[in-house]
Amino acid sequence: WDNYDAIGQWRTHEKVVAGVGNDPVIDPAGAMPDGRPFKDATEFKRLLLEDRDKVARAFIEHLCTYGLRRVLSFDDQDDLNAIQAEAKKSEYRIKDIVRAVALSDLIKKR
């Protein structure tokens, strides 16, 4: 994601206003937490799509933590599984994840 600047515009060089010489080339390469490398945003996206269920689960957990204003516990796992199953039906579209969270028993019994 290093190719995107602060307002989301694509760039290939880091703009250094007060620097001397050429602006440095951006290196977008990196590695996933499990060590799988990627060389650019396209490969990073491919790796995220390979882990679609894990990425969606993490997003759901963070959204629920925010919505509940508390840390999730083991007791929340069944509700989280139900939210994920509902969201998976629509291939994890963001609006459907938010809807599934908002209409979930987890939020209703808050």
PDB file of N, CA and C in Angstrom:
ATOM      1  N   TRP A   1       0.808  -1.193   0.000  1.00  0.00           N
ATOM      2  CA  TRP A   1       0.000   0.000   0.000  1.00  0.00           C
ATOM      3  C   TRP A   1       0.848   1.253   0.000  1.00  0.00           C
ATOM      4  N   ASP A   2       2.146   1.093  -0.008  1.00  0.00           N
ATOM      5  CA  ASP A   2       3.028   2.250  -0.006  1.00  0.00           C
ATOM      6  C   ASP A   2       2.884   3.093  -1.262  1.00  0.00           C
ATOM      7  N   ASN A   3       2.348   2.514  -2.339  1.00  0.00           N
ATOM      8  CA  ASN A   3       2.184   3.282  -3.568  1.00  0.00           C
ATOM      9  C   ASN A   3       1.099   4.349  -3.450  1.00  0.00           C
ATOM     10  N   TYR A   4       0.255   4.273  -2.432  1.00  0.00           N
ATOM     11  CA  TYR A   4      -0.796   5.272  -2.250  1.00  0.00           C
ATOM     12  C   TYR A   4      -0.333   6.337  -1.269  1.00  0.00           C
ATOM     13  N   ASP A   5      -0.585   7.599  -1.625  1.00  0.00           N
ATOM     14  CA  ASP A   5      -0.214   8.671  -0.704  1.00  0.00           C
ATOM     15  C   ASP A   5      -1.334   8.883   0.323  1.00  0.00           C
ATOM     16  N   ALA A   6      -1.226   9.935   1.105  1.00  0.00           N
ATOM     17  CA  ALA A   6      -2.162  10.169   2.207  1.00  0.00           C
ATOM     18  C   ALA A   6      -3.602  10.391   1.745  1.00  0.00           C
ATOM     19  N   ILE A   7      -3.791  10.831   0.502  1.00  0.00           N
ATOM     20  CA  ILE A   7      -5.152  11.054   0.008  1.00  0.00           C
ATOM     21  C   ILE A   7      -5.560  10.016  -1.033  1.00  0.00           C
ATOM     22  N   GLY A   8      -4.802   8.930  -1.133  1.00  0.00           N
ATOM     23  CA  GLY A   8      -5.185   7.813  -1.980  1.00  0.00           C
ATOM     24  C   GLY A   8      -4.748   7.886  -3.426  1.00  0.00           C
ATOM     25  N   GLN A   9      -3.864   8.810  -3.759  1.00  0.00           N
ATOM     26  CA  GLN A   9      -3.370   8.887  -5.129  1.00  0.00           C
ATOM     27  C   GLN A   9      -2.184   7.952  -5.310  1.00  0.00           C
ATOM     28  N   TRP A  10      -2.137   7.313  -6.484  1.00  0.00           N
ATOM     29  CA  TRP A  10      -1.065   6.373  -6.798  1.00  0.00           C
ATOM     30  C   TRP A  10       0.234   7.131  -7.054  1.00  0.00           C
ATOM     31  N   ARG A  11       1.327   6.583  -6.573  1.00  0.00           N
ATOM     32  CA  ARG A  11       2.631   7.201  -6.800  1.00  0.00           C
ATOM     33  C   ARG A  11       3.677   6.109  -6.920  1.00  0.00           C
ATOM     34  N   THR A  12       4.745   6.408  -7.610  1.00  0.00           N
ATOM     35  CA  THR A  12       5.857   5.464  -7.751  1.00  0.00           C
ATOM     36  C   THR A  12       7.097   5.965  -7.032  1.00  0.00           C
ATOM     37  N   HIS A  13       7.093   7.256  -6.675  1.00  0.00           N
ATOM     38  CA  HIS A  13       8.223   7.861  -5.970  1.00  0.00           C
ATOM     39  C   HIS A  13       7.715   8.605  -4.732  1.00  0.00           C
ATOM     40  N   GLU A  14       8.504   8.579  -3.686  1.00  0.00           N
ATOM     41  CA  GLU A  14       8.200   9.331  -2.469  1.00  0.00           C
ATOM     42  C   GLU A  14       8.589  10.782  -2.710  1.00  0.00           C
ATOM     43  N   LYS A  15       7.644  11.694  -2.546  1.00  0.00           N
ATOM     44  CA  LYS A  15       7.920  13.111  -2.768  1.00  0.00           C
ATOM     45  C   LYS A  15       8.621  13.680  -1.543  1.00  0.00           C
ATOM     46  N   VAL A  16       9.847  14.169  -1.754  1.00  0.00           N
ATOM     47  CA  VAL A  16      10.618  14.784  -0.678  1.00  0.00           C
ATOM     48  C   VAL A  16      10.843  16.237  -1.072  1.00  0.00           C
ATOM     49  N   VAL A  17      10.064  17.133  -0.491  1.00  0.00           N
ATOM     50  CA  VAL A  17      10.072  18.538  -0.892  1.00  0.00           C
ATOM     51  C   VAL A  17      11.405  19.213  -0.590  1.00  0.00           C
ATOM     52  N   ALA A  18      11.919  19.034   0.592  1.00  0.00           N
ATOM     53  CA  ALA A  18      13.139  19.734   0.991  1.00  0.00           C
ATOM     54  C   ALA A  18      14.395  18.900   0.767  1.00  0.00           C
ATOM     55  N   GLY A  19      14.250  17.753   0.110  1.00  0.00           N
ATOM     56  CA  GLY A  19      15.400  16.877  -0.082  1.00  0.00           C
ATOM     57  C   GLY A  19      16.295  17.318  -1.221  1.00  0.00           C
ATOM     58  N   VAL A  20      17.443  16.694  -1.286  1.00  0.00           N
ATOM     59  CA  VAL A  20      18.406  16.950  -2.347  1.00  0.00           C
ATOM     60  C   VAL A  20      18.454  15.726  -3.240  1.00  0.00           C
ATOM     61  N   GLY A  21      18.464  15.933  -4.552  1.00  0.00           N
ATOM     62  CA  GLY A  21      18.538  14.808  -5.475  1.00  0.00           C
ATOM     63  C   GLY A  21      17.157  14.319  -5.875  1.00  0.00           C
ATOM     64  N   ASN A  22      17.139  13.157  -6.506  1.00  0.00           N
ATOM     65  CA  ASN A  22      15.885  12.579  -6.994  1.00  0.00           C
ATOM     66  C   ASN A  22      15.037  12.038  -5.845  1.00  0.00           C
ATOM     67  N   ASP A  23      13.726  12.082  -6.038  1.00  0.00           N
ATOM     68  CA  ASP A  23      12.820  11.483  -5.060  1.00  0.00           C
ATOM     69  C   ASP A  23      13.026   9.972  -5.061  1.00  0.00           C
ATOM     70  N   PRO A  24      13.058   9.339  -3.883  1.00  0.00           N
ATOM     71  CA  PRO A  24      13.300   7.891  -3.821  1.00  0.00           C
ATOM     72  C   PRO A  24      12.135   7.075  -4.389  1.00  0.00           C
ATOM     73  N   VAL A  25      12.478   5.955  -5.013  1.00  0.00           N
ATOM     74  CA  VAL A  25      11.488   5.033  -5.555  1.00  0.00           C
ATOM     75  C   VAL A  25      10.820   4.302  -4.398  1.00  0.00           C
ATOM     76  N   ILE A  26       9.523   4.099  -4.513  1.00  0.00           N
ATOM     77  CA  ILE A  26       8.773   3.391  -3.472  1.00  0.00           C
ATOM     78  C   ILE A  26       8.928   1.892  -3.668  1.00  0.00           C
ATOM     79  N   ASP A  27       9.181   1.183  -2.579  1.00  0.00           N
ATOM     80  CA  ASP A  27       9.266  -0.279  -2.604  1.00  0.00           C
ATOM     81  C   ASP A  27       8.024  -0.826  -1.905  1.00  0.00           C
ATOM     82  N   PRO A  28       7.027  -1.283  -2.675  1.00  0.00           N
ATOM     83  CA  PRO A  28       5.788  -1.763  -2.072  1.00  0.00           C
ATOM     84  C   PRO A  28       5.839  -3.213  -1.602  1.00  0.00           C
ATOM     85  N   ALA A  29       6.980  -3.851  -1.700  1.00  0.00           N
ATOM     86  CA  ALA A  29       7.098  -5.264  -1.317  1.00  0.00           C
ATOM     87  C   ALA A  29       6.959  -5.421   0.193  1.00  0.00           C
ATOM     88  N   GLY A  30       6.527  -6.603   0.584  1.00  0.00           N
ATOM     89  CA  GLY A  30       6.377  -6.895   1.998  1.00  0.00           C
ATOM     90  C   GLY A  30       6.100  -8.365   2.201  1.00  0.00           C
ATOM     91  N   ALA A  31       5.630  -8.698   3.378  1.00  0.00           N
ATOM     92  CA  ALA A  31       5.313 -10.090   3.694  1.00  0.00           C
ATOM     93  C   ALA A  31       4.100 -10.130   4.612  1.00  0.00           C
ATOM     94  N   MET A  32       3.310 -11.162   4.437  1.00  0.00           N
ATOM     95  CA  MET A  32       2.156 -11.395   5.305  1.00  0.00           C
ATOM     96  C   MET A  32       2.669 -11.871   6.667  1.00  0.00           C
ATOM     97  N   PRO A  33       1.838 -11.824   7.703  1.00  0.00           N
ATOM     98  CA  PRO A  33       2.281 -12.285   9.022  1.00  0.00           C
ATOM     99  C   PRO A  33       2.800 -13.722   9.035  1.00  0.00           C
ATOM    100  N   ASP A  34       2.294 -14.556   8.113  1.00  0.00           N
ATOM    101  CA  ASP A  34       2.764 -15.943   8.066  1.00  0.00           C
ATOM    102  C   ASP A  34       4.010 -16.109   7.196  1.00  0.00           C
ATOM    103  N   GLY A  35       4.546 -15.004   6.679  1.00  0.00           N
ATOM    104  CA  GLY A  35       5.793 -15.048   5.928  1.00  0.00           C
ATOM    105  C   GLY A  35       5.652 -15.059   4.416  1.00  0.00           C
ATOM    106  N   ARG A  36       4.447 -15.213   3.887  1.00  0.00           N
ATOM    107  CA  ARG A  36       4.270 -15.213   2.430  1.00  0.00           C
ATOM    108  C   ARG A  36       4.596 -13.826   1.885  1.00  0.00           C
ATOM    109  N   PRO A  37       5.534 -13.765   0.929  1.00  0.00           N
ATOM    110  CA  PRO A  37       5.942 -12.458   0.402  1.00  0.00           C
ATOM    111  C   PRO A  37       5.008 -11.947  -0.693  1.00  0.00           C
ATOM    112  N   PHE A  38       4.991 -10.636  -0.869  1.00  0.00           N
ATOM    113  CA  PHE A  38       4.311 -10.015  -2.008  1.00  0.00           C
ATOM    114  C   PHE A  38       5.195  -8.886  -2.511  1.00  0.00           C
ATOM    115  N   LYS A  39       5.119  -8.629  -3.824  1.00  0.00           N
ATOM    116  CA  LYS A  39       5.988  -7.607  -4.407  1.00  0.00           C
ATOM    117  C   LYS A  39       5.268  -6.288  -4.692  1.00  0.00           C
ATOM    118  N   ASP A  40       3.931  -6.329  -4.734  1.00  0.00           N
ATOM    119  CA  ASP A  40       3.178  -5.108  -5.020  1.00  0.00           C
ATOM    120  C   ASP A  40       1.740  -5.255  -4.518  1.00  0.00           C
ATOM    121  N   ALA A  41       0.940  -4.218  -4.739  1.00  0.00           N
ATOM    122  CA  ALA A  41      -0.442  -4.211  -4.250  1.00  0.00           C
ATOM    123  C   ALA A  41      -1.278  -5.313  -4.885  1.00  0.00           C
ATOM    124  N   THR A  42      -0.984  -5.653  -6.137  1.00  0.00           N
ATOM    125  CA  THR A  42      -1.737  -6.709  -6.817  1.00  0.00           C
ATOM    126  C   THR A  42      -1.518  -8.057  -6.144  1.00  0.00           C
ATOM    127  N   GLU A  43      -0.274  -8.363  -5.823  1.00  0.00           N
ATOM    128  CA  GLU A  43       0.013  -9.625  -5.122  1.00  0.00           C
ATOM    129  C   GLU A  43      -0.547  -9.603  -3.706  1.00  0.00           C
ATOM    130  N   PHE A  44      -0.486  -8.455  -3.042  1.00  0.00           N
ATOM    131  CA  PHE A  44      -1.045  -8.329  -1.697  1.00  0.00           C
ATOM    132  C   PHE A  44      -2.545  -8.619  -1.725  1.00  0.00           C
ATOM    133  N   LYS A  45      -3.235  -8.062  -2.717  1.00  0.00           N
ATOM    134  CA  LYS A  45      -4.669  -8.311  -2.868  1.00  0.00           C
ATOM    135  C   LYS A  45      -4.940  -9.791  -3.100  1.00  0.00           C
ATOM    136  N   ARG A  46      -4.125 -10.427  -3.935  1.00  0.00           N
ATOM    137  CA  ARG A  46      -4.301 -11.855  -4.209  1.00  0.00           C
ATOM    138  C   ARG A  46      -4.169 -12.664  -2.922  1.00  0.00           C
ATOM    139  N   LEU A  47      -3.182 -12.334  -2.096  1.00  0.00           N
ATOM    140  CA  LEU A  47      -2.990 -13.045  -0.833  1.00  0.00           C
ATOM    141  C   LEU A  47      -4.163 -12.804   0.123  1.00  0.00           C
ATOM    142  N   LEU A  48      -4.670 -11.577   0.153  1.00  0.00           N
ATOM    143  CA  LEU A  48      -5.839 -11.297   0.995  1.00  0.00           C
ATOM    144  C   LEU A  48      -7.046 -12.101   0.534  1.00  0.00           C
ATOM    145  N   LEU A  49      -7.220 -12.215  -0.782  1.00  0.00           N
ATOM    146  CA  LEU A  49      -8.345 -12.990  -1.307  1.00  0.00           C
ATOM    147  C   LEU A  49      -8.198 -14.475  -1.000  1.00  0.00           C
ATOM    148  N   GLU A  50      -6.967 -14.967  -0.951  1.00  0.00           N
ATOM    149  CA  GLU A  50      -6.741 -16.364  -0.559  1.00  0.00           C
ATOM    150  C   GLU A  50      -7.182 -16.588   0.885  1.00  0.00           C
ATOM    151  N   ASP A  51      -7.070 -15.560   1.698  1.00  0.00           N
ATOM    152  CA  ASP A  51      -7.424 -15.631   3.121  1.00  0.00           C
ATOM    153  C   ASP A  51      -8.739 -14.907   3.407  1.00  0.00           C
ATOM    154  N   ARG A  52      -9.628 -14.902   2.439  1.00  0.00           N
ATOM    155  CA  ARG A  52     -10.866 -14.128   2.531  1.00  0.00           C
ATOM    156  C   ARG A  52     -11.644 -14.395   3.827  1.00  0.00           C
ATOM    157  N   ASP A  53     -11.781 -15.657   4.224  1.00  0.00           N
ATOM    158  CA  ASP A  53     -12.530 -15.976   5.447  1.00  0.00           C
ATOM    159  C   ASP A  53     -11.846 -15.393   6.683  1.00  0.00           C
ATOM    160  N   LYS A  54     -10.518 -15.486   6.734  1.00  0.00           N
ATOM    161  CA  LYS A  54      -9.780 -14.949   7.886  1.00  0.00           C
ATOM    162  C   LYS A  54      -9.868 -13.425   7.942  1.00  0.00           C
ATOM    163  N   VAL A  55      -9.732 -12.789   6.784  1.00  0.00           N
ATOM    164  CA  VAL A  55      -9.805 -11.326   6.731  1.00  0.00           C
ATOM    165  C   VAL A  55     -11.203 -10.856   7.147  1.00  0.00           C
ATOM    166  N   ALA A  56     -12.223 -11.527   6.630  1.00  0.00           N
ATOM    167  CA  ALA A  56     -13.597 -11.166   6.990  1.00  0.00           C
ATOM    168  C   ALA A  56     -13.838 -11.368   8.482  1.00  0.00           C
ATOM    169  N   ARG A  57     -13.341 -12.468   9.026  1.00  0.00           N
ATOM    170  CA  ARG A  57     -13.534 -12.733  10.461  1.00  0.00           C
ATOM    171  C   ARG A  57     -12.876 -11.646  11.299  1.00  0.00           C
ATOM    172  N   ALA A  58     -11.672 -11.247  10.921  1.00  0.00           N
ATOM    173  CA  ALA A  58     -10.981 -10.193  11.662  1.00  0.00           C
ATOM    174  C   ALA A  58     -11.766  -8.882  11.593  1.00  0.00           C
ATOM    175  N   PHE A  59     -12.284  -8.561  10.409  1.00  0.00           N
ATOM    176  CA  PHE A  59     -13.082  -7.342  10.254  1.00  0.00           C
ATOM    177  C   PHE A  59     -14.343  -7.408  11.115  1.00  0.00           C
ATOM    178  N   ILE A  60     -15.007  -8.549  11.096  1.00  0.00           N
ATOM    179  CA  ILE A  60     -16.222  -8.739  11.898  1.00  0.00           C
ATOM    180  C   ILE A  60     -15.906  -8.582  13.383  1.00  0.00           C
ATOM    181  N   GLU A  61     -14.832  -9.189  13.835  1.00  0.00           N
ATOM    182  CA  GLU A  61     -14.462  -9.088  15.251  1.00  0.00           C
ATOM    183  C   GLU A  61     -14.161  -7.646  15.645  1.00  0.00           C
ATOM    184  N   HIS A  62     -13.431  -6.931  14.806  1.00  0.00           N
ATOM    185  CA  HIS A  62     -13.109  -5.534  15.121  1.00  0.00           C
ATOM    186  C   HIS A  62     -14.368  -4.664  15.107  1.00  0.00           C
ATOM    187  N   LEU A  63     -15.245  -4.902  14.149  1.00  0.00           N
ATOM    188  CA  LEU A  63     -16.491  -4.142  14.080  1.00  0.00           C
ATOM    189  C   LEU A  63     -17.363  -4.409  15.310  1.00  0.00           C
ATOM    190  N   CYS A  64     -17.428  -5.662  15.735  1.00  0.00           N
ATOM    191  CA  CYS A  64     -18.207  -6.006  16.935  1.00  0.00           C
ATOM    192  C   CYS A  64     -17.582  -5.408  18.190  1.00  0.00           C
ATOM    193  N   THR A  65     -16.282  -5.443  18.283  1.00  0.00           N
ATOM    194  CA  THR A  65     -15.601  -4.836  19.428  1.00  0.00           C
ATOM    195  C   THR A  65     -15.929  -3.351  19.503  1.00  0.00           C
ATOM    196  N   TYR A  66     -15.890  -2.688  18.355  1.00  0.00           N
ATOM    197  CA  TYR A  66     -16.227  -1.261  18.308  1.00  0.00           C
ATOM    198  C   TYR A  66     -17.693  -1.039  18.687  1.00  0.00           C
ATOM    199  N   GLY A  67     -18.576  -1.828  18.091  1.00  0.00           N
ATOM    200  CA  GLY A  67     -20.007  -1.655  18.336  1.00  0.00           C
ATOM    201  C   GLY A  67     -20.427  -1.964  19.763  1.00  0.00           C
ATOM    202  N   LEU A  68     -19.789  -2.958  20.359  1.00  0.00           N
ATOM    203  CA  LEU A  68     -20.136  -3.353  21.726  1.00  0.00           C
ATOM    204  C   LEU A  68     -19.401  -2.531  22.779  1.00  0.00           C
ATOM    205  N   ARG A  69     -18.343  -1.873  22.366  1.00  0.00           N
ATOM    206  CA  ARG A  69     -17.479  -1.105  23.270  1.00  0.00           C
ATOM    207  C   ARG A  69     -16.917  -1.969  24.391  1.00  0.00           C
ATOM    208  N   ARG A  70     -16.535  -3.195  24.007  1.00  0.00           N
ATOM    209  CA  ARG A  70     -15.898  -4.105  24.960  1.00  0.00           C
ATOM    210  C   ARG A  70     -15.096  -5.150  24.193  1.00  0.00           C
ATOM    211  N   VAL A  71     -14.226  -5.818  24.908  1.00  0.00           N
ATOM    212  CA  VAL A  71     -13.443  -6.899  24.321  1.00  0.00           C
ATOM    213  C   VAL A  71     -14.350  -8.110  24.134  1.00  0.00           C
ATOM    214  N   LEU A  72     -14.198  -8.792  23.007  1.00  0.00           N
ATOM    215  CA  LEU A  72     -14.986 -10.001  22.772  1.00  0.00           C
ATOM    216  C   LEU A  72     -14.475 -11.131  23.653  1.00  0.00           C
ATOM    217  N   SER A  73     -15.365 -12.057  23.986  1.00  0.00           N
ATOM    218  CA  SER A  73     -14.983 -13.184  24.827  1.00  0.00           C
ATOM    219  C   SER A  73     -15.327 -14.495  24.134  1.00  0.00           C
ATOM    220  N   PHE A  74     -14.951 -15.586  24.770  1.00  0.00           N
ATOM    221  CA  PHE A  74     -15.250 -16.914  24.234  1.00  0.00           C
ATOM    222  C   PHE A  74     -16.755 -17.100  24.071  1.00  0.00           C
ATOM    223  N   ASP A  75     -17.517 -16.517  24.959  1.00  0.00           N
ATOM    224  CA  ASP A  75     -18.981 -16.633  24.905  1.00  0.00           C
ATOM    225  C   ASP A  75     -19.583 -15.998  23.651  1.00  0.00           C
ATOM    226  N   ASP A  76     -18.832 -15.145  22.976  1.00  0.00           N
ATOM    227  CA  ASP A  76     -19.325 -14.465  21.776  1.00  0.00           C
ATOM    228  C   ASP A  76     -19.098 -15.271  20.498  1.00  0.00           C
ATOM    229  N   GLN A  77     -18.370 -16.372  20.578  1.00  0.00           N
ATOM    230  CA  GLN A  77     -17.967 -17.098  19.371  1.00  0.00           C
ATOM    231  C   GLN A  77     -19.146 -17.597  18.538  1.00  0.00           C
ATOM    232  N   ASP A  78     -20.188 -18.111  19.166  1.00  0.00           N
ATOM    233  CA  ASP A  78     -21.350 -18.587  18.403  1.00  0.00           C
ATOM    234  C   ASP A  78     -22.005 -17.446  17.627  1.00  0.00           C
ATOM    235  N   ASP A  79     -22.129 -16.297  18.266  1.00  0.00           N
ATOM    236  CA  ASP A  79     -22.707 -15.136  17.586  1.00  0.00           C
ATOM    237  C   ASP A  79     -21.809 -14.671  16.441  1.00  0.00           C
ATOM    238  N   LEU A  80     -20.505 -14.665  16.662  1.00  0.00           N
ATOM    239  CA  LEU A  80     -19.568 -14.281  15.605  1.00  0.00           C
ATOM    240  C   LEU A  80     -19.639 -15.254  14.435  1.00  0.00           C
ATOM    241  N   ASN A  81     -19.759 -16.545  14.740  1.00  0.00           N
ATOM    242  CA  ASN A  81     -19.892 -17.550  13.678  1.00  0.00           C
ATOM    243  C   ASN A  81     -21.161 -17.321  12.866  1.00  0.00           C
ATOM    244  N   ALA A  82     -22.250 -16.976  13.545  1.00  0.00           N
ATOM    245  CA  ALA A  82     -23.516 -16.711  12.852  1.00  0.00           C
ATOM    246  C   ALA A  82     -23.403 -15.472  11.962  1.00  0.00           C
ATOM    247  N   ILE A  83     -22.752 -14.440  12.463  1.00  0.00           N
ATOM    248  CA  ILE A  83     -22.546 -13.226  11.664  1.00  0.00           C
ATOM    249  C   ILE A  83     -21.713 -13.550  10.431  1.00  0.00           C
ATOM    250  N   GLN A  84     -20.641 -14.311  10.624  1.00  0.00           N
ATOM    251  CA  GLN A  84     -19.777 -14.656   9.499  1.00  0.00           C
ATOM    252  C   GLN A  84     -20.524 -15.503   8.473  1.00  0.00           C
ATOM    253  N   ALA A  85     -21.314 -16.452   8.927  1.00  0.00           N
ATOM    254  CA  ALA A  85     -22.083 -17.299   8.003  1.00  0.00           C
ATOM    255  C   ALA A  85     -23.063 -16.458   7.191  1.00  0.00           C
ATOM    256  N   GLU A  86     -23.707 -15.503   7.847  1.00  0.00           N
ATOM    257  CA  GLU A  86     -24.646 -14.620   7.140  1.00  0.00           C
ATOM    258  C   GLU A  86     -23.909 -13.749   6.122  1.00  0.00           C
ATOM    259  N   ALA A  87     -22.776 -13.202   6.518  1.00  0.00           N
ATOM    260  CA  ALA A  87     -22.010 -12.329   5.624  1.00  0.00           C
ATOM    261  C   ALA A  87     -21.407 -13.097   4.449  1.00  0.00           C
ATOM    262  N   LYS A  88     -21.062 -14.349   4.669  1.00  0.00           N
ATOM    263  CA  LYS A  88     -20.453 -15.156   3.608  1.00  0.00           C
ATOM    264  C   LYS A  88     -21.433 -15.396   2.458  1.00  0.00           C
ATOM    265  N   LYS A  89     -22.722 -15.411   2.758  1.00  0.00           N
ATOM    266  CA  LYS A  89     -23.742 -15.618   1.721  1.00  0.00           C
ATOM    267  C   LYS A  89     -23.648 -14.569   0.620  1.00  0.00           C
ATOM    268  N   SER A  90     -23.196 -13.376   0.963  1.00  0.00           N
ATOM    269  CA  SER A  90     -23.075 -12.290  -0.014  1.00  0.00           C
ATOM    270  C   SER A  90     -21.615 -12.005  -0.356  1.00  0.00           C
ATOM    271  N   GLU A  91     -20.764 -13.011  -0.155  1.00  0.00           N
ATOM    272  CA  GLU A  91     -19.335 -12.910  -0.469  1.00  0.00           C
ATOM    273  C   GLU A  91     -18.650 -11.781   0.300  1.00  0.00           C
ATOM    274  N   TYR A  92     -19.091 -11.568   1.525  1.00  0.00           N
ATOM    275  CA  TYR A  92     -18.471 -10.621   2.453  1.00  0.00           C
ATOM    276  C   TYR A  92     -18.469  -9.176   1.957  1.00  0.00           C
ATOM    277  N   ARG A  93     -19.529  -8.749   1.306  1.00  0.00           N
ATOM    278  CA  ARG A  93     -19.615  -7.326   0.958  1.00  0.00           C
ATOM    279  C   ARG A  93     -19.703  -6.534   2.256  1.00  0.00           C
ATOM    280  N   ILE A  94     -19.017  -5.412   2.294  1.00  0.00           N
ATOM    281  CA  ILE A  94     -18.934  -4.609   3.514  1.00  0.00           C
ATOM    282  C   ILE A  94     -20.326  -4.242   4.040  1.00  0.00           C
ATOM    283  N   LYS A  95     -21.201  -3.779   3.161  1.00  0.00           N
ATOM    284  CA  LYS A  95     -22.532  -3.372   3.635  1.00  0.00           C
ATOM    285  C   LYS A  95     -23.284  -4.551   4.236  1.00  0.00           C
ATOM    286  N   ASP A  96     -23.055  -5.747   3.726  1.00  0.00           N
ATOM    287  CA  ASP A  96     -23.739  -6.918   4.264  1.00  0.00           C
ATOM    288  C   ASP A  96     -23.118  -7.380   5.581  1.00  0.00           C
ATOM    289  N   ILE A  97     -21.821  -7.172   5.734  1.00  0.00           N
ATOM    290  CA  ILE A  97     -21.181  -7.464   7.022  1.00  0.00           C
ATOM    291  C   ILE A  97     -21.734  -6.514   8.084  1.00  0.00           C
ATOM    292  N   VAL A  98     -21.786  -5.233   7.761  1.00  0.00           N
ATOM    293  CA  VAL A  98     -22.299  -4.241   8.716  1.00  0.00           C
ATOM    294  C   VAL A  98     -23.751  -4.559   9.073  1.00  0.00           C
ATOM    295  N   ARG A  99     -24.543  -4.915   8.071  1.00  0.00           N
ATOM    296  CA  ARG A  99     -25.948  -5.269   8.319  1.00  0.00           C
ATOM    297  C   ARG A  99     -26.039  -6.506   9.220  1.00  0.00           C
ATOM    298  N   ALA A 100     -25.233  -7.532   8.917  1.00  0.00           N
ATOM    299  CA  ALA A 100     -25.259  -8.763   9.716  1.00  0.00           C
ATOM    300  C   ALA A 100     -24.872  -8.486  11.164  1.00  0.00           C
ATOM    301  N   VAL A 101     -23.897  -7.617  11.364  1.00  0.00           N
ATOM    302  CA  VAL A 101     -23.495  -7.253  12.727  1.00  0.00           C
ATOM    303  C   VAL A 101     -24.622  -6.485  13.413  1.00  0.00           C
ATOM    304  N   ALA A 102     -25.176  -5.497  12.733  1.00  0.00           N
ATOM    305  CA  ALA A 102     -26.219  -4.657  13.336  1.00  0.00           C
ATOM    306  C   ALA A 102     -27.463  -5.456  13.711  1.00  0.00           C
ATOM    307  N   LEU A 103     -27.781  -6.475  12.930  1.00  0.00           N
ATOM    308  CA  LEU A 103     -28.984  -7.271  13.183  1.00  0.00           C
ATOM    309  C   LEU A 103     -28.715  -8.529  14.009  1.00  0.00           C
ATOM    310  N   SER A 104     -27.492  -8.703  14.435  1.00  0.00           N
ATOM    311  CA  SER A 104     -27.109  -9.927  15.151  1.00  0.00           C
ATOM    312  C   SER A 104     -27.627  -9.949  16.587  1.00  0.00           C
ATOM    313  N   ASP A 105     -27.730 -11.157  17.118  1.00  0.00           N
ATOM    314  CA  ASP A 105     -28.099 -11.311  18.529  1.00  0.00           C
ATOM    315  C   ASP A 105     -27.046 -10.681  19.431  1.00  0.00           C
ATOM    316  N   LEU A 106     -25.812 -10.702  18.991  1.00  0.00           N
ATOM    317  CA  LEU A 106     -24.721 -10.129  19.778  1.00  0.00           C
ATOM    318  C   LEU A 106     -24.991  -8.651  20.073  1.00  0.00           C
ATOM    319  N   ILE A 107     -25.422  -7.920  19.077  1.00  0.00           N
ATOM    320  CA  ILE A 107     -25.715  -6.497  19.262  1.00  0.00           C
ATOM    321  C   ILE A 107     -27.067  -6.308  19.953  1.00  0.00           C
ATOM    322  N   LYS A 108     -28.032  -7.135  19.596  1.00  0.00           N
ATOM    323  CA  LYS A 108     -29.369  -7.004  20.192  1.00  0.00           C
ATOM    324  C   LYS A 108     -29.349  -7.212  21.700  1.00  0.00           C
ATOM    325  N   LYS A 109     -28.515  -8.120  22.173  1.00  0.00           N
ATOM    326  CA  LYS A 109     -28.481  -8.389  23.620  1.00  0.00           C
ATOM    327  C   LYS A 109     -27.461  -7.529  24.345  1.00  0.00           C
ATOM    328  N   ARG A 110     -26.922  -6.559  23.645  1.00  0.00           N
ATOM    329  CA  ARG A 110     -25.946  -5.640  24.230  1.00  0.00           C
ATOM    330  C   ARG A 110     -26.590  -4.927  25.359  1.00  0.00           C
TER     331      ARG A 110
END
